[in-house]
Amino acid sequence: MVFRFYSNTISQASRALAMWIFIVGMMLFGFGLLIYVFPEFFATLAAIFFWTIGTGCGITAVKIFLSTRTRHNIDSSDGYRENVHIRIEDRNEF
């Protein structure tokens, strides 16, 4: 007579987890081997990636600076805006 402390579901879950850990381990091993064999190629890919991301960040920063500059010029005009009315009503809606 076999007495089990866990169900078949836990066994399947642990097998699936072991499978995913094994797959990730093999992918990392293969990627590490490719980097070892082709270091110049992956260094070039990394340089292109970082250059592209850096250029995108720079362009975004310039856009933000320009938008705050134009907004600052609009906000500095005496603090008064035409056609703006503030209405305060006493509402007793309960």
PDB file of N, CA and C in Angstrom:
ATOM      1  N   MET A   1       0.835  -1.173   0.000  1.00  0.00           N
ATOM      2  CA  MET A   1       0.000   0.000   0.000  1.00  0.00           C
ATOM      3  C   MET A   1       0.887   1.247   0.000  1.00  0.00           C
ATOM      4  N   VAL A   2       0.610   2.138  -0.947  1.00  0.00           N
ATOM      5  CA  VAL A   2       1.395   3.367  -1.087  1.00  0.00           C
ATOM      6  C   VAL A   2       0.643   4.496  -0.401  1.00  0.00           C
ATOM      7  N   PHE A   3       1.337   5.182   0.477  1.00  0.00           N
ATOM      8  CA  PHE A   3       0.741   6.319   1.174  1.00  0.00           C
ATOM      9  C   PHE A   3       1.446   7.588   0.718  1.00  0.00           C
ATOM     10  N   ARG A   4       0.691   8.518   0.100  1.00  0.00           N
ATOM     11  CA  ARG A   4       1.282   9.737  -0.436  1.00  0.00           C
ATOM     12  C   ARG A   4       0.917  10.927   0.445  1.00  0.00           C
ATOM     13  N   PHE A   5       1.914  11.794   0.674  1.00  0.00           N
ATOM     14  CA  PHE A   5       1.684  13.012   1.432  1.00  0.00           C
ATOM     15  C   PHE A   5       1.309  14.188   0.538  1.00  0.00           C
ATOM     16  N   TYR A   6       1.408  14.010  -0.743  1.00  0.00           N
ATOM     17  CA  TYR A   6       1.098  15.092  -1.682  1.00  0.00           C
ATOM     18  C   TYR A   6       0.298  14.515  -2.836  1.00  0.00           C
ATOM     19  N   SER A   7      -0.375  15.411  -3.547  1.00  0.00           N
ATOM     20  CA  SER A   7      -1.230  14.954  -4.638  1.00  0.00           C
ATOM     21  C   SER A   7      -0.450  14.916  -5.946  1.00  0.00           C
ATOM     22  N   ASN A   8      -1.077  14.398  -6.972  1.00  0.00           N
ATOM     23  CA  ASN A   8      -0.479  14.324  -8.294  1.00  0.00           C
ATOM     24  C   ASN A   8      -0.305  15.726  -8.888  1.00  0.00           C
ATOM     25  N   THR A   9      -1.144  16.671  -8.478  1.00  0.00           N
ATOM     26  CA  THR A   9      -1.058  18.039  -8.978  1.00  0.00           C
ATOM     27  C   THR A   9       0.252  18.688  -8.561  1.00  0.00           C
ATOM     28  N   ILE A  10       0.657  18.474  -7.327  1.00  0.00           N
ATOM     29  CA  ILE A  10       1.925  19.036  -6.851  1.00  0.00           C
ATOM     30  C   ILE A  10       3.090  18.406  -7.602  1.00  0.00           C
ATOM     31  N   SER A  11       3.010  17.136  -7.884  1.00  0.00           N
ATOM     32  CA  SER A  11       4.060  16.451  -8.636  1.00  0.00           C
ATOM     33  C   SER A  11       4.171  17.015 -10.048  1.00  0.00           C
ATOM     34  N   GLN A  12       3.038  17.251 -10.689  1.00  0.00           N
ATOM     35  CA  GLN A  12       3.062  17.830 -12.042  1.00  0.00           C
ATOM     36  C   GLN A  12       3.603  19.255 -12.023  1.00  0.00           C
ATOM     37  N   ALA A  13       3.235  20.019 -11.006  1.00  0.00           N
ATOM     38  CA  ALA A  13       3.722  21.399 -10.910  1.00  0.00           C
ATOM     39  C   ALA A  13       5.225  21.428 -10.704  1.00  0.00           C
ATOM     40  N   SER A  14       5.736  20.537  -9.866  1.00  0.00           N
ATOM     41  CA  SER A  14       7.182  20.525  -9.630  1.00  0.00           C
ATOM     42  C   SER A  14       7.938  20.042 -10.872  1.00  0.00           C
ATOM     43  N   ARG A  15       7.359  19.130 -11.635  1.00  0.00           N
ATOM     44  CA  ARG A  15       7.997  18.696 -12.887  1.00  0.00           C
ATOM     45  C   ARG A  15       8.013  19.830 -13.909  1.00  0.00           C
ATOM     46  N   ALA A  16       6.913  20.568 -13.989  1.00  0.00           N
ATOM     47  CA  ALA A  16       6.860  21.700 -14.924  1.00  0.00           C
ATOM     48  C   ALA A  16       7.874  22.768 -14.522  1.00  0.00           C
ATOM     49  N   LEU A  17       7.991  23.041 -13.218  1.00  0.00           N
ATOM     50  CA  LEU A  17       8.972  24.013 -12.752  1.00  0.00           C
ATOM     51  C   LEU A  17      10.388  23.550 -13.064  1.00  0.00           C
ATOM     52  N   ALA A  18      10.669  22.267 -12.848  1.00  0.00           N
ATOM     53  CA  ALA A  18      11.994  21.726 -13.161  1.00  0.00           C
ATOM     54  C   ALA A  18      12.285  21.833 -14.657  1.00  0.00           C
ATOM     55  N   MET A  19      11.256  21.610 -15.487  1.00  0.00           N
ATOM     56  CA  MET A  19      11.441  21.715 -16.934  1.00  0.00           C
ATOM     57  C   MET A  19      11.795  23.149 -17.328  1.00  0.00           C
ATOM     58  N   TRP A  20      11.070  24.147 -16.784  1.00  0.00           N
ATOM     59  CA  TRP A  20      11.335  25.545 -17.117  1.00  0.00           C
ATOM     60  C   TRP A  20      12.703  25.987 -16.613  1.00  0.00           C
ATOM     61  N   ILE A  21      13.101  25.536 -15.439  1.00  0.00           N
ATOM     62  CA  ILE A  21      14.438  25.865 -14.924  1.00  0.00           C
ATOM     63  C   ILE A  21      15.503  25.265 -15.819  1.00  0.00           C
ATOM     64  N   PHE A  22      15.297  24.037 -16.281  1.00  0.00           N
ATOM     65  CA  PHE A  22      16.256  23.388 -17.172  1.00  0.00           C
ATOM     66  C   PHE A  22      16.355  24.138 -18.502  1.00  0.00           C
ATOM     67  N   ILE A  23      15.208  24.545 -19.064  1.00  0.00           N
ATOM     68  CA  ILE A  23      15.204  25.271 -20.340  1.00  0.00           C
ATOM     69  C   ILE A  23      15.924  26.608 -20.201  1.00  0.00           C
ATOM     70  N   VAL A  24      15.635  27.339 -19.134  1.00  0.00           N
ATOM     71  CA  VAL A  24      16.300  28.630 -18.921  1.00  0.00           C
ATOM     72  C   VAL A  24      17.794  28.424 -18.718  1.00  0.00           C
ATOM     73  N   GLY A  25      18.174  27.400 -17.990  1.00  0.00           N
ATOM     74  CA  GLY A  25      19.592  27.100 -17.791  1.00  0.00           C
ATOM     75  C   GLY A  25      20.307  26.784 -19.093  1.00  0.00           C
ATOM     76  N   MET A  26      19.678  26.007 -19.949  1.00  0.00           N
ATOM     77  CA  MET A  26      20.287  25.681 -21.240  1.00  0.00           C
ATOM     78  C   MET A  26      20.389  26.916 -22.144  1.00  0.00           C
ATOM     79  N   MET A  27      19.353  27.771 -22.105  1.00  0.00           N
ATOM     80  CA  MET A  27      19.414  28.993 -22.904  1.00  0.00           C
ATOM     81  C   MET A  27      20.532  29.904 -22.420  1.00  0.00           C
ATOM     82  N   LEU A  28      20.680  30.056 -21.100  1.00  0.00           N
ATOM     83  CA  LEU A  28      21.757  30.887 -20.569  1.00  0.00           C
ATOM     84  C   LEU A  28      23.123  30.304 -20.906  1.00  0.00           C
ATOM     85  N   PHE A  29      23.245  28.984 -20.825  1.00  0.00           N
ATOM     86  CA  PHE A  29      24.497  28.328 -21.186  1.00  0.00           C
ATOM     87  C   PHE A  29      24.829  28.577 -22.658  1.00  0.00           C
ATOM     88  N   GLY A  30      23.834  28.419 -23.531  1.00  0.00           N
ATOM     89  CA  GLY A  30      24.059  28.638 -24.958  1.00  0.00           C
ATOM     90  C   GLY A  30      24.387  30.087 -25.272  1.00  0.00           C
ATOM     91  N   PHE A  31      23.703  31.011 -24.626  1.00  0.00           N
ATOM     92  CA  PHE A  31      23.982  32.421 -24.847  1.00  0.00           C
ATOM     93  C   PHE A  31      25.388  32.777 -24.372  1.00  0.00           C
ATOM     94  N   GLY A  32      25.775  32.236 -23.225  1.00  0.00           N
ATOM     95  CA  GLY A  32      27.136  32.460 -22.733  1.00  0.00           C
ATOM     96  C   GLY A  32      28.185  31.891 -23.673  1.00  0.00           C
ATOM     97  N   LEU A  33      27.909  30.724 -24.231  1.00  0.00           N
ATOM     98  CA  LEU A  33      28.842  30.116 -25.190  1.00  0.00           C
ATOM     99  C   LEU A  33      28.946  30.952 -26.460  1.00  0.00           C
ATOM    100  N   LEU A  34      27.813  31.472 -26.954  1.00  0.00           N
ATOM    101  CA  LEU A  34      27.845  32.329 -28.136  1.00  0.00           C
ATOM    102  C   LEU A  34      28.629  33.612 -27.885  1.00  0.00           C
ATOM    103  N   ILE A  35      28.469  34.187 -26.696  1.00  0.00           N
ATOM    104  CA  ILE A  35      29.233  35.392 -26.370  1.00  0.00           C
ATOM    105  C   ILE A  35      30.720  35.078 -26.305  1.00  0.00           C
ATOM    106  N   TYR A  36      31.070  33.917 -25.783  1.00  0.00           N
ATOM    107  CA  TYR A  36      32.479  33.526 -25.712  1.00  0.00           C
ATOM    108  C   TYR A  36      33.066  33.306 -27.112  1.00  0.00           C
ATOM    109  N   VAL A  37      32.277  32.720 -28.011  1.00  0.00           N
ATOM    110  CA  VAL A  37      32.763  32.410 -29.355  1.00  0.00           C
ATOM    111  C   VAL A  37      32.778  33.656 -30.240  1.00  0.00           C
ATOM    112  N   PHE A  38      31.753  34.505 -30.143  1.00  0.00           N
ATOM    113  CA  PHE A  38      31.634  35.696 -30.984  1.00  0.00           C
ATOM    114  C   PHE A  38      31.587  36.977 -30.133  1.00  0.00           C
ATOM    115  N   PRO A  39      32.667  37.319 -29.450  1.00  0.00           N
ATOM    116  CA  PRO A  39      32.605  38.483 -28.555  1.00  0.00           C
ATOM    117  C   PRO A  39      32.456  39.805 -29.311  1.00  0.00           C
ATOM    118  N   GLU A  40      33.082  39.932 -30.467  1.00  0.00           N
ATOM    119  CA  GLU A  40      33.012  41.188 -31.219  1.00  0.00           C
ATOM    120  C   GLU A  40      31.600  41.435 -31.752  1.00  0.00           C
ATOM    121  N   PHE A  41      30.940  40.386 -32.203  1.00  0.00           N
ATOM    122  CA  PHE A  41      29.588  40.518 -32.725  1.00  0.00           C
ATOM    123  C   PHE A  41      28.631  41.001 -31.635  1.00  0.00           C
ATOM    124  N   PHE A  42      28.705  40.383 -30.449  1.00  0.00           N
ATOM    125  CA  PHE A  42      27.797  40.773 -29.375  1.00  0.00           C
ATOM    126  C   PHE A  42      28.158  42.135 -28.795  1.00  0.00           C
ATOM    127  N   ALA A  43      29.436  42.493 -28.823  1.00  0.00           N
ATOM    128  CA  ALA A  43      29.813  43.843 -28.385  1.00  0.00           C
ATOM    129  C   ALA A  43      29.248  44.880 -29.346  1.00  0.00           C
ATOM    130  N   THR A  44      29.248  44.571 -30.636  1.00  0.00           N
ATOM    131  CA  THR A  44      28.669  45.484 -31.621  1.00  0.00           C
ATOM    132  C   THR A  44      27.156  45.600 -31.420  1.00  0.00           C
ATOM    133  N   LEU A  45      26.482  44.472 -31.190  1.00  0.00           N
ATOM    134  CA  LEU A  45      25.043  44.515 -30.922  1.00  0.00           C
ATOM    135  C   LEU A  45      24.725  45.342 -29.678  1.00  0.00           C
ATOM    136  N   ALA A  46      25.514  45.169 -28.628  1.00  0.00           N
ATOM    137  CA  ALA A  46      25.286  45.937 -27.395  1.00  0.00           C
ATOM    138  C   ALA A  46      25.523  47.414 -27.643  1.00  0.00           C
ATOM    139  N   ALA A  47      26.558  47.744 -28.413  1.00  0.00           N
ATOM    140  CA  ALA A  47      26.833  49.153 -28.711  1.00  0.00           C
ATOM    141  C   ALA A  47      25.696  49.777 -29.511  1.00  0.00           C
ATOM    142  N   ILE A  48      25.179  49.066 -30.504  1.00  0.00           N
ATOM    143  CA  ILE A  48      24.048  49.574 -31.297  1.00  0.00           C
ATOM    144  C   ILE A  48      22.824  49.755 -30.415  1.00  0.00           C
ATOM    145  N   PHE A  49      22.555  48.800 -29.524  1.00  0.00           N
ATOM    146  CA  PHE A  49      21.408  48.886 -28.623  1.00  0.00           C
ATOM    147  C   PHE A  49      21.514  50.099 -27.706  1.00  0.00           C
ATOM    148  N   PHE A  50      22.666  50.269 -27.058  1.00  0.00           N
ATOM    149  CA  PHE A  50      22.831  51.387 -26.137  1.00  0.00           C
ATOM    150  C   PHE A  50      22.822  52.722 -26.871  1.00  0.00           C
ATOM    151  N   TRP A  51      23.388  52.785 -28.063  1.00  0.00           N
ATOM    152  CA  TRP A  51      23.378  54.026 -28.844  1.00  0.00           C
ATOM    153  C   TRP A  51      21.946  54.406 -29.209  1.00  0.00           C
ATOM    154  N   THR A  52      21.157  53.427 -29.626  1.00  0.00           N
ATOM    155  CA  THR A  52      19.768  53.694 -30.002  1.00  0.00           C
ATOM    156  C   THR A  52      18.948  54.167 -28.802  1.00  0.00           C
ATOM    157  N   ILE A  53      19.084  53.493 -27.691  1.00  0.00           N
ATOM    158  CA  ILE A  53      18.350  53.871 -26.488  1.00  0.00           C
ATOM    159  C   ILE A  53      18.807  55.245 -26.001  1.00  0.00           C
ATOM    160  N   GLY A  54      20.091  55.510 -26.035  1.00  0.00           N
ATOM    161  CA  GLY A  54      20.611  56.812 -25.616  1.00  0.00           C
ATOM    162  C   GLY A  54      20.107  57.942 -26.498  1.00  0.00           C
ATOM    163  N   THR A  55      20.061  57.705 -27.804  1.00  0.00           N
ATOM    164  CA  THR A  55      19.535  58.717 -28.717  1.00  0.00           C
ATOM    165  C   THR A  55      18.056  58.975 -28.446  1.00  0.00           C
ATOM    166  N   GLY A  56      17.305  57.945 -28.232  1.00  0.00           N
ATOM    167  CA  GLY A  56      15.882  58.100 -27.915  1.00  0.00           C
ATOM    168  C   GLY A  56      15.664  58.877 -26.624  1.00  0.00           C
ATOM    169  N   CYS A  57      16.466  58.587 -25.605  1.00  0.00           N
ATOM    170  CA  CYS A  57      16.349  59.324 -24.343  1.00  0.00           C
ATOM    171  C   CYS A  57      16.719  60.786 -24.528  1.00  0.00           C
ATOM    172  N   GLY A  58      17.754  61.051 -25.313  1.00  0.00           N
ATOM    173  CA  GLY A  58      18.155  62.435 -25.566  1.00  0.00           C
ATOM    174  C   GLY A  58      17.077  63.210 -26.296  1.00  0.00           C
ATOM    175  N   ILE A  59      16.481  62.613 -27.302  1.00  0.00           N
ATOM    176  CA  ILE A  59      15.413  63.287 -28.056  1.00  0.00           C
ATOM    177  C   ILE A  59      14.215  63.550 -27.157  1.00  0.00           C
ATOM    178  N   THR A  60      13.860  62.588 -26.319  1.00  0.00           N
ATOM    179  CA  THR A  60      12.741  62.773 -25.393  1.00  0.00           C
ATOM    180  C   THR A  60      13.047  63.893 -24.402  1.00  0.00           C
ATOM    181  N   ALA A  61      14.273  63.951 -23.900  1.00  0.00           N
ATOM    182  CA  ALA A  61      14.641  65.004 -22.955  1.00  0.00           C
ATOM    183  C   ALA A  61      14.556  66.379 -23.608  1.00  0.00           C
ATOM    184  N   VAL A  62      15.018  66.499 -24.851  1.00  0.00           N
ATOM    185  CA  VAL A  62      14.933  67.781 -25.557  1.00  0.00           C
ATOM    186  C   VAL A  62      13.471  68.184 -25.745  1.00  0.00           C
ATOM    187  N   LYS A  63      12.613  67.240 -26.099  1.00  0.00           N
ATOM    188  CA  LYS A  63      11.185  67.542 -26.255  1.00  0.00           C
ATOM    189  C   LYS A  63      10.582  68.038 -24.942  1.00  0.00           C
ATOM    190  N   ILE A  64      10.944  67.409 -23.834  1.00  0.00           N
ATOM    191  CA  ILE A  64      10.412  67.826 -22.537  1.00  0.00           C
ATOM    192  C   ILE A  64      10.911  69.222 -22.182  1.00  0.00           C
ATOM    193  N   PHE A  65      12.208  69.483 -22.411  1.00  0.00           N
ATOM    194  CA  PHE A  65      12.743  70.817 -22.123  1.00  0.00           C
ATOM    195  C   PHE A  65      12.046  71.888 -22.955  1.00  0.00           C
ATOM    196  N   LEU A  66      11.826  71.604 -24.228  1.00  0.00           N
ATOM    197  CA  LEU A  66      11.161  72.578 -25.089  1.00  0.00           C
ATOM    198  C   LEU A  66       9.712  72.795 -24.676  1.00  0.00           C
ATOM    199  N   SER A  67       9.019  71.733 -24.297  1.00  0.00           N
ATOM    200  CA  SER A  67       7.621  71.902 -23.888  1.00  0.00           C
ATOM    201  C   SER A  67       7.516  72.676 -22.579  1.00  0.00           C
ATOM    202  N   THR A  68       8.441  72.467 -21.644  1.00  0.00           N
ATOM    203  CA  THR A  68       8.395  73.233 -20.394  1.00  0.00           C
ATOM    204  C   THR A  68       8.795  74.683 -20.638  1.00  0.00           C
ATOM    205  N   ARG A  69       9.654  74.925 -21.601  1.00  0.00           N
ATOM    206  CA  ARG A  69      10.054  76.298 -21.916  1.00  0.00           C
ATOM    207  C   ARG A  69       8.873  77.087 -22.473  1.00  0.00           C
ATOM    208  N   THR A  70       8.136  76.500 -23.392  1.00  0.00           N
ATOM    209  CA  THR A  70       6.984  77.197 -23.960  1.00  0.00           C
ATOM    210  C   THR A  70       5.875  77.327 -22.918  1.00  0.00           C
ATOM    211  N   ARG A  71       5.699  76.355 -22.070  1.00  0.00           N
ATOM    212  CA  ARG A  71       4.684  76.432 -21.024  1.00  0.00           C
ATOM    213  C   ARG A  71       5.066  77.495 -20.001  1.00  0.00           C
ATOM    214  N   HIS A  72       6.357  77.624 -19.704  1.00  0.00           N
ATOM    215  CA  HIS A  72       6.815  78.640 -18.752  1.00  0.00           C
ATOM    216  C   HIS A  72       6.528  80.043 -19.296  1.00  0.00           C
ATOM    217  N   ASN A  73       6.705  80.256 -20.587  1.00  0.00           N
ATOM    218  CA  ASN A  73       6.413  81.552 -21.190  1.00  0.00           C
ATOM    219  C   ASN A  73       4.922  81.863 -21.134  1.00  0.00           C
ATOM    220  N   ILE A  74       4.081  80.868 -21.268  1.00  0.00           N
ATOM    221  CA  ILE A  74       2.635  81.078 -21.205  1.00  0.00           C
ATOM    222  C   ILE A  74       2.213  81.394 -19.768  1.00  0.00           C
ATOM    223  N   ASP A  75       2.761  80.669 -18.793  1.00  0.00           N
ATOM    224  CA  ASP A  75       2.361  80.838 -17.396  1.00  0.00           C
ATOM    225  C   ASP A  75       2.861  82.141 -16.780  1.00  0.00           C
ATOM    226  N   SER A  76       3.890  82.756 -17.354  1.00  0.00           N
ATOM    227  CA  SER A  76       4.468  83.946 -16.737  1.00  0.00           C
ATOM    228  C   SER A  76       3.744  85.229 -17.114  1.00  0.00           C
ATOM    229  N   SER A  77       2.639  85.176 -17.807  1.00  0.00           N
ATOM    230  CA  SER A  77       1.942  86.379 -18.251  1.00  0.00           C
ATOM    231  C   SER A  77       0.966  86.871 -17.185  1.00  0.00           C
ATOM    232  N   ASP A  78       1.469  87.555 -16.163  1.00  0.00           N
ATOM    233  CA  ASP A  78       0.705  88.251 -15.121  1.00  0.00           C
ATOM    234  C   ASP A  78      -0.267  87.367 -14.346  1.00  0.00           C
ATOM    235  N   GLY A  79      -0.297  86.106 -14.571  1.00  0.00           N
ATOM    236  CA  GLY A  79      -1.184  85.241 -13.828  1.00  0.00           C
ATOM    237  C   GLY A  79      -2.657  85.470 -14.111  1.00  0.00           C
ATOM    238  N   TYR A  80      -2.980  86.159 -15.170  1.00  0.00           N
ATOM    239  CA  TYR A  80      -4.370  86.466 -15.499  1.00  0.00           C
ATOM    240  C   TYR A  80      -4.728  85.832 -16.822  1.00  0.00           C
ATOM    241  N   ARG A  81      -5.881  85.217 -16.873  1.00  0.00           N
ATOM    242  CA  ARG A  81      -6.339  84.615 -18.120  1.00  0.00           C
ATOM    243  C   ARG A  81      -7.730  85.151 -18.434  1.00  0.00           C
ATOM    244  N   GLU A  82      -7.934  85.459 -19.660  1.00  0.00           N
ATOM    245  CA  GLU A  82      -9.231  85.958 -20.080  1.00  0.00           C
ATOM    246  C   GLU A  82     -10.219  84.809 -20.219  1.00  0.00           C
ATOM    247  N   ASN A  83     -11.490  85.139 -20.076  1.00  0.00           N
ATOM    248  CA  ASN A  83     -12.587  84.174 -20.239  1.00  0.00           C
ATOM    249  C   ASN A  83     -12.534  83.027 -19.230  1.00  0.00           C
ATOM    250  N   VAL A  84     -11.980  83.292 -18.065  1.00  0.00           N
ATOM    251  CA  VAL A  84     -11.968  82.285 -17.009  1.00  0.00           C
ATOM    252  C   VAL A  84     -12.782  82.838 -15.857  1.00  0.00           C
ATOM    253  N   HIS A  85     -13.851  82.178 -15.501  1.00  0.00           N
ATOM    254  CA  HIS A  85     -14.725  82.604 -14.421  1.00  0.00           C
ATOM    255  C   HIS A  85     -14.805  81.502 -13.385  1.00  0.00           C
ATOM    256  N   ILE A  86     -14.640  81.866 -12.141  1.00  0.00           N
ATOM    257  CA  ILE A  86     -14.736  80.907 -11.053  1.00  0.00           C
ATOM    258  C   ILE A  86     -16.091  81.083 -10.396  1.00  0.00           C
ATOM    259  N   ARG A  87     -16.856  80.024 -10.379  1.00  0.00           N
ATOM    260  CA  ARG A  87     -18.185  80.075  -9.778  1.00  0.00           C
ATOM    261  C   ARG A  87     -18.182  79.230  -8.517  1.00  0.00           C
ATOM    262  N   ILE A  88     -18.672  79.824  -7.456  1.00  0.00           N
ATOM    263  CA  ILE A  88     -18.788  79.096  -6.198  1.00  0.00           C
ATOM    264  C   ILE A  88     -20.257  79.079  -5.840  1.00  0.00           C
ATOM    265  N   GLU A  89     -20.821  77.909  -5.774  1.00  0.00           N
ATOM    266  CA  GLU A  89     -22.220  77.761  -5.441  1.00  0.00           C
ATOM    267  C   GLU A  89     -22.353  76.950  -4.173  1.00  0.00           C
ATOM    268  N   ASP A  90     -23.275  77.345  -3.355  1.00  0.00           N
ATOM    269  CA  ASP A  90     -23.522  76.602  -2.138  1.00  0.00           C
ATOM    270  C   ASP A  90     -24.568  75.537  -2.421  1.00  0.00           C
ATOM    271  N   ARG A  91     -24.129  74.327  -2.578  1.00  0.00           N
ATOM    272  CA  ARG A  91     -25.031  73.226  -2.874  1.00  0.00           C
ATOM    273  C   ARG A  91     -25.225  72.363  -1.642  1.00  0.00           C
ATOM    274  N   ASN A  92     -26.424  72.154  -1.297  1.00  0.00           N
ATOM    275  CA  ASN A  92     -26.752  71.307  -0.163  1.00  0.00           C
ATOM    276  C   ASN A  92     -27.376  70.012  -0.662  1.00  0.00           C
ATOM    277  N   GLU A  93     -26.615  69.273  -1.385  1.00  0.00           N
ATOM    278  CA  GLU A  93     -27.095  68.005  -1.937  1.00  0.00           C
ATOM    279  C   GLU A  93     -26.577  66.870  -1.075  1.00  0.00           C
ATOM    280  N   PHE A  94     -27.467  66.271  -0.337  1.00  0.00           N
ATOM    281  CA  PHE A  94     -27.056  65.174   0.533  1.00  0.00           C
ATOM    282  C   PHE A  94     -27.724  63.923   0.104  1.00  0.00           C
TER     283      PHE A  94
END
